[in-house]
Amino acid sequence: MSAQWNTAFASVIGTSHEKTGTSCQDACHCRIIQASDGQEIFLGIVSDGAGSASRSEVGSTLVVQMFLDKFGTLIKSEKDMHLINRNFVLDWLEEVRAQIFIRATKEALSPREFACTILGAIVGLNNSIFFQIGDGAIVVSETPLDEYYCIFWPQHGEFANQTNFITQENLSEILEFESSQGSVNRITLFTDGIERLVLDFSDRSVYPPALNSIFEWLQNNQQVNPDEKSSSVLFNYLNSSFINSRTDDDKSLVMATRATKEKPHVSTEIS
């Protein structure tokens, strides 16, 4: 039997969107799926709707749900993740894009109005799959636990607010995909609202103190497979004055860590 996971996720509207009356355009989720061989597989997904697109929150929500449906169903019926290669992910992205185009046609809108990014992670006991289109990042730790690295660097254009979206036609060019061996012990996925709190752009590195307190809280709180319910503790942390004073954008964060066998200490806040 594989190690159990402790997980948490939350999406929080940015203060700039609150001021303008705009809805939260981020979406995120995670699940623990039991494969046919009994192995527990972590699925994590975040999506950031384009700020300039009028229906981007619909696009990001659709991306999250279709990811959970597609890859959750596949994992339940397979013994491992060998079927999930780059071409499989590209085919799935085209399915998502087709659904966005259908929705856009019904609403007499351009598909660009549903533009959003996507960051996905599928992590088993000894192998992992990651893919990304757009900004935001996936950060993992193996051993030792306090050494983190970024799977893909955020996709930014010439200007800070430029990135790629799933509605673009050149998906095969902008998709970043990685399949790797080894045991991931900690993983986080986040949208660009949190980038500058976690990543050091001067040398393309990860700032561990930004993550350690959250992972320590999560390690001591058994929130295994929250399924349809996000974490209120993580939500409150992302909506705190400490975070909002540093970023006014929407924020989505998915966290997961391998659970220990020690008796958990339940904490109601992140220090």
C-alpha atoms as a PDB file:
ATOM      1  CA  MET A   1       0.000   0.000   0.000  1.00  0.00           C
ATOM      2  CA  SER A   2       1.328   3.441  -0.890  1.00  0.00           C
ATOM      3  CA  ALA A   3       1.783   6.254   1.590  1.00  0.00           C
ATOM      4  CA  GLN A   4      -1.264   8.322   2.339  1.00  0.00           C
ATOM      5  CA  TRP A   5      -1.473  11.975   1.317  1.00  0.00           C
ATOM      6  CA  ASN A   6      -2.461  15.060   3.284  1.00  0.00           C
ATOM      7  CA  THR A   7      -3.961  17.619   0.890  1.00  0.00           C
ATOM      8  CA  ALA A   8      -5.514  21.074   0.831  1.00  0.00           C
ATOM      9  CA  PHE A   9      -6.621  23.532  -1.847  1.00  0.00           C
ATOM     10  CA  ALA A  10      -8.257  26.959  -2.087  1.00  0.00           C
ATOM     11  CA  SER A  11      -8.997  29.773  -4.531  1.00  0.00           C
ATOM     12  CA  VAL A  12      -9.369  33.336  -3.230  1.00  0.00           C
ATOM     13  CA  ILE A  13     -10.457  36.475  -5.072  1.00  0.00           C
ATOM     14  CA  GLY A  14      -7.869  39.230  -5.323  1.00  0.00           C
ATOM     15  CA  THR A  15      -8.410  42.598  -3.674  1.00  0.00           C
ATOM     16  CA  SER A  16      -8.169  44.319  -7.064  1.00  0.00           C
ATOM     17  CA  HIS A  17     -11.095  42.233  -8.316  1.00  0.00           C
ATOM     18  CA  GLU A  18     -13.093  42.991  -5.188  1.00  0.00           C
ATOM     19  CA  LYS A  19     -12.661  46.715  -5.813  1.00  0.00           C
ATOM     20  CA  THR A  20     -13.871  46.447  -9.420  1.00  0.00           C
ATOM     21  CA  GLY A  21     -16.668  43.971  -8.671  1.00  0.00           C
ATOM     22  CA  THR A  22     -15.036  41.273 -10.798  1.00  0.00           C
ATOM     23  CA  SER A  23     -15.483  37.627  -9.835  1.00  0.00           C
ATOM     24  CA  CYS A  24     -12.613  35.290  -8.975  1.00  0.00           C
ATOM     25  CA  GLN A  25     -11.271  33.956 -12.272  1.00  0.00           C
ATOM     26  CA  ASP A  26      -9.121  31.225 -10.699  1.00  0.00           C
ATOM     27  CA  ALA A  27     -10.130  27.610 -10.117  1.00  0.00           C
ATOM     28  CA  CYS A  28      -8.296  24.709  -8.499  1.00  0.00           C
ATOM     29  CA  HIS A  29      -8.847  21.255  -7.005  1.00  0.00           C
ATOM     30  CA  CYS A  30      -7.092  18.066  -5.968  1.00  0.00           C
ATOM     31  CA  ARG A  31      -8.101  14.467  -5.350  1.00  0.00           C
ATOM     32  CA  ILE A  32      -6.584  11.203  -4.228  1.00  0.00           C
ATOM     33  CA  ILE A  33      -7.545   8.396  -6.609  1.00  0.00           C
ATOM     34  CA  GLN A  34      -7.019   4.719  -5.872  1.00  0.00           C
ATOM     35  CA  ALA A  35      -5.687   2.890  -8.910  1.00  0.00           C
ATOM     36  CA  SER A  36      -6.712  -0.675  -9.750  1.00  0.00           C
ATOM     37  CA  ASP A  37      -3.577  -2.005  -8.007  1.00  0.00           C
ATOM     38  CA  GLY A  38      -4.441  -0.163  -4.776  1.00  0.00           C
ATOM     39  CA  GLN A  39      -1.842   2.574  -5.236  1.00  0.00           C
ATOM     40  CA  GLU A  40      -2.941   6.076  -4.233  1.00  0.00           C
ATOM     41  CA  ILE A  41      -2.471   8.678  -6.978  1.00  0.00           C
ATOM     42  CA  PHE A  42      -2.520  12.411  -6.340  1.00  0.00           C
ATOM     43  CA  LEU A  43      -4.295  14.586  -8.928  1.00  0.00           C
ATOM     44  CA  GLY A  44      -3.747  18.350  -8.717  1.00  0.00           C
ATOM     45  CA  ILE A  45      -4.992  21.068 -11.048  1.00  0.00           C
ATOM     46  CA  VAL A  46      -5.024  24.891 -11.100  1.00  0.00           C
ATOM     47  CA  SER A  47      -6.292  27.245 -13.795  1.00  0.00           C
ATOM     48  CA  ASP A  48      -6.144  31.035 -14.020  1.00  0.00           C
ATOM     49  CA  GLY A  49      -8.664  32.822 -16.206  1.00  0.00           C
ATOM     50  CA  ALA A  50      -7.288  35.652 -18.337  1.00  0.00           C
ATOM     51  CA  GLY A  51      -8.037  39.015 -16.746  1.00  0.00           C
ATOM     52  CA  SER A  52      -8.919  40.533 -20.117  1.00  0.00           C
ATOM     53  CA  ALA A  53     -11.432  37.767 -20.984  1.00  0.00           C
ATOM     54  CA  SER A  54     -15.070  38.263 -19.993  1.00  0.00           C
ATOM     55  CA  ARG A  55     -15.877  34.561 -19.355  1.00  0.00           C
ATOM     56  CA  SER A  56     -12.503  33.278 -18.232  1.00  0.00           C
ATOM     57  CA  GLU A  57     -13.862  32.040 -14.886  1.00  0.00           C
ATOM     58  CA  VAL A  58     -16.089  29.671 -16.865  1.00  0.00           C
ATOM     59  CA  GLY A  59     -13.069  28.443 -18.815  1.00  0.00           C
ATOM     60  CA  SER A  60     -10.973  27.823 -15.698  1.00  0.00           C
ATOM     61  CA  THR A  61     -13.820  25.969 -13.961  1.00  0.00           C
ATOM     62  CA  LEU A  62     -14.362  23.805 -17.050  1.00  0.00           C
ATOM     63  CA  VAL A  63     -10.640  22.954 -17.221  1.00  0.00           C
ATOM     64  CA  VAL A  64     -10.591  21.815 -13.590  1.00  0.00           C
ATOM     65  CA  GLN A  65     -13.680  19.624 -13.897  1.00  0.00           C
ATOM     66  CA  MET A  66     -12.606  18.002 -17.173  1.00  0.00           C
ATOM     67  CA  PHE A  67      -9.165  17.253 -15.714  1.00  0.00           C
ATOM     68  CA  LEU A  68     -10.644  15.485 -12.686  1.00  0.00           C
ATOM     69  CA  ASP A  69     -13.127  13.555 -14.837  1.00  0.00           C
ATOM     70  CA  LYS A  70     -10.648  12.440 -17.508  1.00  0.00           C
ATOM     71  CA  PHE A  71      -7.630  11.538 -15.427  1.00  0.00           C
ATOM     72  CA  GLY A  72      -9.586  10.330 -12.410  1.00  0.00           C
ATOM     73  CA  THR A  73     -11.493   7.840 -14.553  1.00  0.00           C
ATOM     74  CA  LEU A  74      -8.308   6.697 -16.283  1.00  0.00           C
ATOM     75  CA  ILE A  75      -6.379   6.139 -13.050  1.00  0.00           C
ATOM     76  CA  LYS A  76      -9.212   4.101 -11.518  1.00  0.00           C
ATOM     77  CA  SER A  77      -9.161   1.680 -14.436  1.00  0.00           C
ATOM     78  CA  GLU A  78      -5.391   1.369 -14.951  1.00  0.00           C
ATOM     79  CA  LYS A  79      -2.586  -0.218 -12.927  1.00  0.00           C
ATOM     80  CA  ASP A  80      -0.159   2.607 -13.674  1.00  0.00           C
ATOM     81  CA  MET A  81       0.160   5.887 -15.537  1.00  0.00           C
ATOM     82  CA  HIS A  82       1.912   4.597 -18.662  1.00  0.00           C
ATOM     83  CA  LEU A  83      -0.910   5.733 -20.969  1.00  0.00           C
ATOM     84  CA  ILE A  84      -0.493   9.369 -19.960  1.00  0.00           C
ATOM     85  CA  ASN A  85       2.146  10.652 -22.353  1.00  0.00           C
ATOM     86  CA  ARG A  86       2.495  13.985 -24.136  1.00  0.00           C
ATOM     87  CA  ASN A  87       0.186  12.976 -27.002  1.00  0.00           C
ATOM     88  CA  PHE A  88      -2.492  11.813 -24.564  1.00  0.00           C
ATOM     89  CA  VAL A  89      -2.406  15.184 -22.810  1.00  0.00           C
ATOM     90  CA  LEU A  90      -2.504  17.048 -26.140  1.00  0.00           C
ATOM     91  CA  ASP A  91      -5.567  15.055 -27.221  1.00  0.00           C
ATOM     92  CA  TRP A  92      -7.270  15.874 -23.919  1.00  0.00           C
ATOM     93  CA  LEU A  93      -6.423  19.578 -24.280  1.00  0.00           C
ATOM     94  CA  GLU A  94      -8.086  19.536 -27.698  1.00  0.00           C
ATOM     95  CA  GLU A  95     -11.190  18.026 -26.047  1.00  0.00           C
ATOM     96  CA  VAL A  96     -11.238  20.871 -23.539  1.00  0.00           C
ATOM     97  CA  ARG A  97     -10.689  23.425 -26.280  1.00  0.00           C
ATOM     98  CA  ALA A  98     -13.579  21.928 -28.276  1.00  0.00           C
ATOM     99  CA  GLN A  99     -15.888  22.258 -25.265  1.00  0.00           C
ATOM    100  CA  ILE A 100     -14.862  25.880 -24.838  1.00  0.00           C
ATOM    101  CA  PHE A 101     -15.616  26.537 -28.514  1.00  0.00           C
ATOM    102  CA  ILE A 102     -19.070  24.958 -28.107  1.00  0.00           C
ATOM    103  CA  ARG A 103     -19.799  27.156 -25.097  1.00  0.00           C
ATOM    104  CA  ALA A 104     -18.523  30.237 -26.947  1.00  0.00           C
ATOM    105  CA  THR A 105     -20.757  29.488 -29.952  1.00  0.00           C
ATOM    106  CA  LYS A 106     -23.832  29.144 -27.736  1.00  0.00           C
ATOM    107  CA  GLU A 107     -23.120  32.492 -26.135  1.00  0.00           C
ATOM    108  CA  ALA A 108     -22.178  34.176 -29.431  1.00  0.00           C
ATOM    109  CA  LEU A 109     -18.723  35.000 -28.080  1.00  0.00           C
ATOM    110  CA  SER A 110     -15.160  34.532 -29.229  1.00  0.00           C
ATOM    111  CA  PRO A 111     -13.425  31.499 -27.631  1.00  0.00           C
ATOM    112  CA  ARG A 112     -10.787  33.990 -26.450  1.00  0.00           C
ATOM    113  CA  GLU A 113     -13.327  35.218 -23.861  1.00  0.00           C
ATOM    114  CA  PHE A 114     -12.869  31.851 -22.073  1.00  0.00           C
ATOM    115  CA  ALA A 115      -9.056  31.967 -22.092  1.00  0.00           C
ATOM    116  CA  CYS A 116      -7.283  30.375 -19.125  1.00  0.00           C
ATOM    117  CA  THR A 117      -4.026  28.733 -18.113  1.00  0.00           C
ATOM    118  CA  ILE A 118      -3.609  25.146 -16.928  1.00  0.00           C
ATOM    119  CA  LEU A 119      -1.179  23.400 -14.582  1.00  0.00           C
ATOM    120  CA  GLY A 120      -1.696  19.697 -13.929  1.00  0.00           C
ATOM    121  CA  ALA A 121       0.071  17.101 -11.796  1.00  0.00           C
ATOM    122  CA  ILE A 122      -0.419  13.339 -11.471  1.00  0.00           C
ATOM    123  CA  VAL A 123       1.809  11.802  -8.812  1.00  0.00           C
ATOM    124  CA  GLY A 124       2.147   8.143  -7.908  1.00  0.00           C
ATOM    125  CA  LEU A 125       4.439   6.326  -5.509  1.00  0.00           C
ATOM    126  CA  ASN A 126       7.529   6.364  -7.734  1.00  0.00           C
ATOM    127  CA  ASN A 127       6.585   8.292 -10.870  1.00  0.00           C
ATOM    128  CA  SER A 128       5.015  11.640 -11.724  1.00  0.00           C
ATOM    129  CA  ILE A 129       3.537  13.485 -14.687  1.00  0.00           C
ATOM    130  CA  PHE A 130       3.392  17.268 -14.967  1.00  0.00           C
ATOM    131  CA  PHE A 131       2.123  19.603 -17.666  1.00  0.00           C
ATOM    132  CA  GLN A 132       1.563  23.316 -18.033  1.00  0.00           C
ATOM    133  CA  ILE A 133       0.306  26.031 -20.366  1.00  0.00           C
ATOM    134  CA  GLY A 134       0.690  29.593 -19.121  1.00  0.00           C
ATOM    135  CA  ASP A 135       2.048  31.204 -15.977  1.00  0.00           C
ATOM    136  CA  GLY A 136       1.935  30.020 -12.394  1.00  0.00           C
ATOM    137  CA  ALA A 137       4.117  27.118 -11.298  1.00  0.00           C
ATOM    138  CA  ILE A 138       4.398  23.564  -9.988  1.00  0.00           C
ATOM    139  CA  VAL A 139       6.950  23.167  -7.192  1.00  0.00           C
ATOM    140  CA  VAL A 140       8.013  19.837  -5.703  1.00  0.00           C
ATOM    141  CA  SER A 141      10.330  18.439  -3.069  1.00  0.00           C
ATOM    142  CA  GLU A 142      11.832  14.976  -2.904  1.00  0.00           C
ATOM    143  CA  THR A 143      14.574  14.423  -0.277  1.00  0.00           C
ATOM    144  CA  PRO A 144      15.469  16.344   1.793  1.00  0.00           C
ATOM    145  CA  LEU A 145      12.070  17.922   2.214  1.00  0.00           C
ATOM    146  CA  ASP A 146      13.270  21.516   2.449  1.00  0.00           C
ATOM    147  CA  GLU A 147      14.840  21.501  -1.030  1.00  0.00           C
ATOM    148  CA  TYR A 148      12.272  22.599  -3.599  1.00  0.00           C
ATOM    149  CA  TYR A 149      12.486  23.001  -7.335  1.00  0.00           C
ATOM    150  CA  CYS A 150      10.182  24.349 -10.015  1.00  0.00           C
ATOM    151  CA  ILE A 151       9.081  21.859 -12.693  1.00  0.00           C
ATOM    152  CA  PHE A 152       8.510  24.518 -15.377  1.00  0.00           C
ATOM    153  CA  TRP A 153       9.268  28.205 -15.116  1.00  0.00           C
ATOM    154  CA  PRO A 154       6.153  30.420 -15.594  1.00  0.00           C
ATOM    155  CA  GLN A 155       5.446  31.225 -19.226  1.00  0.00           C
ATOM    156  CA  HIS A 156       5.714  35.013 -19.470  1.00  0.00           C
ATOM    157  CA  GLY A 157       5.992  37.064 -22.623  1.00  0.00           C
ATOM    158  CA  GLU A 158       7.807  40.337 -23.203  1.00  0.00           C
ATOM    159  CA  PHE A 159       5.591  41.954 -20.570  1.00  0.00           C
ATOM    160  CA  ALA A 160       4.727  40.601 -17.097  1.00  0.00           C
ATOM    161  CA  ASN A 161       1.028  40.192 -17.866  1.00  0.00           C
ATOM    162  CA  GLN A 162       1.589  38.214 -21.071  1.00  0.00           C
ATOM    163  CA  THR A 163       1.277  34.434 -21.102  1.00  0.00           C
ATOM    164  CA  ASN A 164      -0.208  31.506 -23.037  1.00  0.00           C
ATOM    165  CA  PHE A 165      -3.736  30.121 -22.811  1.00  0.00           C
ATOM    166  CA  ILE A 166      -5.522  26.875 -23.616  1.00  0.00           C
ATOM    167  CA  THR A 167      -7.649  28.636 -26.274  1.00  0.00           C
ATOM    168  CA  GLN A 168      -4.633  29.169 -28.534  1.00  0.00           C
ATOM    169  CA  GLU A 169      -4.268  27.127 -31.705  1.00  0.00           C
ATOM    170  CA  ASN A 170      -0.594  26.236 -31.176  1.00  0.00           C
ATOM    171  CA  LEU A 171      -1.123  23.930 -28.196  1.00  0.00           C
ATOM    172  CA  SER A 172       1.622  21.520 -29.264  1.00  0.00           C
ATOM    173  CA  GLU A 173       4.140  24.381 -29.237  1.00  0.00           C
ATOM    174  CA  ILE A 174       3.213  25.923 -25.888  1.00  0.00           C
ATOM    175  CA  LEU A 175       2.519  22.735 -23.904  1.00  0.00           C
ATOM    176  CA  GLU A 176       5.256  21.815 -21.442  1.00  0.00           C
ATOM    177  CA  PHE A 177       5.221  18.159 -20.387  1.00  0.00           C
ATOM    178  CA  GLU A 178       7.418  16.084 -18.106  1.00  0.00           C
ATOM    179  CA  SER A 179       7.277  12.467 -16.981  1.00  0.00           C
ATOM    180  CA  SER A 180       9.754  11.602 -14.236  1.00  0.00           C
ATOM    181  CA  GLN A 181      10.758   8.793 -11.898  1.00  0.00           C
ATOM    182  CA  GLY A 182      11.320   9.135  -8.170  1.00  0.00           C
ATOM    183  CA  SER A 183       9.225   9.796  -5.106  1.00  0.00           C
ATOM    184  CA  VAL A 184       7.698  13.269  -4.715  1.00  0.00           C
ATOM    185  CA  ASN A 185       7.084  13.964  -1.029  1.00  0.00           C
ATOM    186  CA  ARG A 186       5.707  17.493  -1.262  1.00  0.00           C
ATOM    187  CA  ILE A 187       4.019  19.288  -4.137  1.00  0.00           C
ATOM    188  CA  THR A 188       2.300  22.612  -4.648  1.00  0.00           C
ATOM    189  CA  LEU A 189       0.595  24.116  -7.688  1.00  0.00           C
ATOM    190  CA  PHE A 190      -0.309  27.806  -7.795  1.00  0.00           C
ATOM    191  CA  THR A 191      -1.489  30.539 -10.127  1.00  0.00           C
ATOM    192  CA  ASP A 192       0.499  33.676 -10.918  1.00  0.00           C
ATOM    193  CA  GLY A 193      -1.024  35.610  -8.010  1.00  0.00           C
ATOM    194  CA  ILE A 194       1.382  33.739  -5.732  1.00  0.00           C
ATOM    195  CA  GLU A 195       4.412  33.564  -8.038  1.00  0.00           C
ATOM    196  CA  ARG A 196       6.380  36.417  -6.502  1.00  0.00           C
ATOM    197  CA  LEU A 197       5.804  35.122  -2.975  1.00  0.00           C
ATOM    198  CA  VAL A 198       7.322  31.717  -3.762  1.00  0.00           C
ATOM    199  CA  LEU A 199       9.700  32.189  -6.693  1.00  0.00           C
ATOM    200  CA  ASP A 200      12.903  34.216  -6.914  1.00  0.00           C
ATOM    201  CA  PHE A 201      12.994  35.527 -10.482  1.00  0.00           C
ATOM    202  CA  SER A 202      16.559  36.812 -10.159  1.00  0.00           C
ATOM    203  CA  ASP A 203      18.012  33.300 -10.264  1.00  0.00           C
ATOM    204  CA  ARG A 204      14.953  31.178 -11.082  1.00  0.00           C
ATOM    205  CA  SER A 205      14.843  29.490  -7.705  1.00  0.00           C
ATOM    206  CA  VAL A 206      12.249  28.684  -5.027  1.00  0.00           C
ATOM    207  CA  TYR A 207      12.045  30.574  -1.719  1.00  0.00           C
ATOM    208  CA  PRO A 208      11.548  27.770   0.893  1.00  0.00           C
ATOM    209  CA  PRO A 209      10.245  29.924   3.806  1.00  0.00           C
ATOM    210  CA  ALA A 210       7.175  30.794   1.742  1.00  0.00           C
ATOM    211  CA  LEU A 211       6.182  27.111   1.670  1.00  0.00           C
ATOM    212  CA  ASN A 212       7.583  25.516   4.818  1.00  0.00           C
ATOM    213  CA  SER A 213       5.015  26.873   7.280  1.00  0.00           C
ATOM    214  CA  ILE A 214       2.119  25.711   5.081  1.00  0.00           C
ATOM    215  CA  PHE A 215       3.594  22.253   4.576  1.00  0.00           C
ATOM    216  CA  GLU A 216       4.312  21.923   8.304  1.00  0.00           C
ATOM    217  CA  TRP A 217       0.698  22.819   9.069  1.00  0.00           C
ATOM    218  CA  LEU A 218      -0.527  20.339   6.459  1.00  0.00           C
ATOM    219  CA  GLN A 219       1.794  17.586   7.690  1.00  0.00           C
ATOM    220  CA  ASN A 220       0.229  17.868  11.147  1.00  0.00           C
ATOM    221  CA  ASN A 221      -3.358  17.916   9.935  1.00  0.00           C
ATOM    222  CA  GLN A 222      -4.806  14.848   8.249  1.00  0.00           C
ATOM    223  CA  GLN A 223      -6.901  16.346   5.484  1.00  0.00           C
ATOM    224  CA  VAL A 224      -6.836  13.299   3.258  1.00  0.00           C
ATOM    225  CA  ASN A 225      -8.792  13.553   0.022  1.00  0.00           C
ATOM    226  CA  PRO A 226     -10.944  16.651   0.679  1.00  0.00           C
ATOM    227  CA  ASP A 227     -12.750  15.853  -2.587  1.00  0.00           C
ATOM    228  CA  GLU A 228     -15.401  18.538  -3.120  1.00  0.00           C
ATOM    229  CA  LYS A 229     -14.494  20.762  -0.147  1.00  0.00           C
ATOM    230  CA  SER A 230     -11.648  23.253  -0.126  1.00  0.00           C
ATOM    231  CA  SER A 231      -9.676  24.001   3.019  1.00  0.00           C
ATOM    232  CA  SER A 232     -11.079  26.873   5.097  1.00  0.00           C
ATOM    233  CA  VAL A 233      -7.719  27.245   6.887  1.00  0.00           C
ATOM    234  CA  LEU A 234      -5.833  27.619   3.617  1.00  0.00           C
ATOM    235  CA  PHE A 235      -8.543  29.951   2.283  1.00  0.00           C
ATOM    236  CA  ASN A 236      -8.231  32.209   5.334  1.00  0.00           C
ATOM    237  CA  TYR A 237      -4.452  32.243   5.028  1.00  0.00           C
ATOM    238  CA  LEU A 238      -4.609  33.278   1.359  1.00  0.00           C
ATOM    239  CA  ASN A 239      -7.163  35.944   2.247  1.00  0.00           C
ATOM    240  CA  SER A 240      -5.138  37.313   5.173  1.00  0.00           C
ATOM    241  CA  SER A 241      -3.729  40.839   5.322  1.00  0.00           C
ATOM    242  CA  PHE A 242      -0.244  39.282   5.230  1.00  0.00           C
ATOM    243  CA  ILE A 243      -0.885  37.842   1.747  1.00  0.00           C
ATOM    244  CA  ASN A 244      -3.175  40.601   0.430  1.00  0.00           C
ATOM    245  CA  SER A 245      -0.567  43.254   1.248  1.00  0.00           C
ATOM    246  CA  ARG A 246       1.809  41.465  -1.106  1.00  0.00           C
ATOM    247  CA  THR A 247      -0.496  40.619  -4.019  1.00  0.00           C
ATOM    248  CA  ASP A 248      -3.853  41.987  -5.184  1.00  0.00           C
ATOM    249  CA  ASP A 249      -4.466  39.265  -7.783  1.00  0.00           C
ATOM    250  CA  ASP A 250      -6.659  36.151  -7.517  1.00  0.00           C
ATOM    251  CA  LYS A 251      -4.808  33.341  -5.762  1.00  0.00           C
ATOM    252  CA  SER A 252      -5.131  29.570  -6.160  1.00  0.00           C
ATOM    253  CA  LEU A 253      -3.047  27.100  -4.207  1.00  0.00           C
ATOM    254  CA  VAL A 254      -3.016  23.298  -4.129  1.00  0.00           C
ATOM    255  CA  MET A 255      -0.824  21.604  -1.499  1.00  0.00           C
ATOM    256  CA  ALA A 256      -0.049  17.935  -0.861  1.00  0.00           C
ATOM    257  CA  THR A 257       2.429  16.084   1.331  1.00  0.00           C
ATOM    258  CA  ARG A 258       3.066  12.452   2.101  1.00  0.00           C
ATOM    259  CA  ALA A 259       1.439  11.720   5.467  1.00  0.00           C
ATOM    260  CA  THR A 260       3.437  10.464   8.427  1.00  0.00           C
ATOM    261  CA  LYS A 261       2.386   7.618  10.690  1.00  0.00           C
ATOM    262  CA  GLU A 262       2.638   9.861  13.746  1.00  0.00           C
ATOM    263  CA  LYS A 263      -0.486  11.017  15.566  1.00  0.00           C
ATOM    264  CA  PRO A 264      -1.543  14.333  13.972  1.00  0.00           C
ATOM    265  CA  HIS A 265      -1.615  17.628  15.831  1.00  0.00           C
ATOM    266  CA  VAL A 266      -4.656  19.549  14.659  1.00  0.00           C
ATOM    267  CA  SER A 267      -4.068  23.253  14.052  1.00  0.00           C
ATOM    268  CA  THR A 268      -6.668  25.815  12.995  1.00  0.00           C
ATOM    269  CA  GLU A 269      -4.200  28.228  11.423  1.00  0.00           C
ATOM    270  CA  ILE A 270      -0.986  28.485   9.452  1.00  0.00           C
ATOM    271  CA  SER A 271       1.780  30.166  11.409  1.00  0.00           C
END
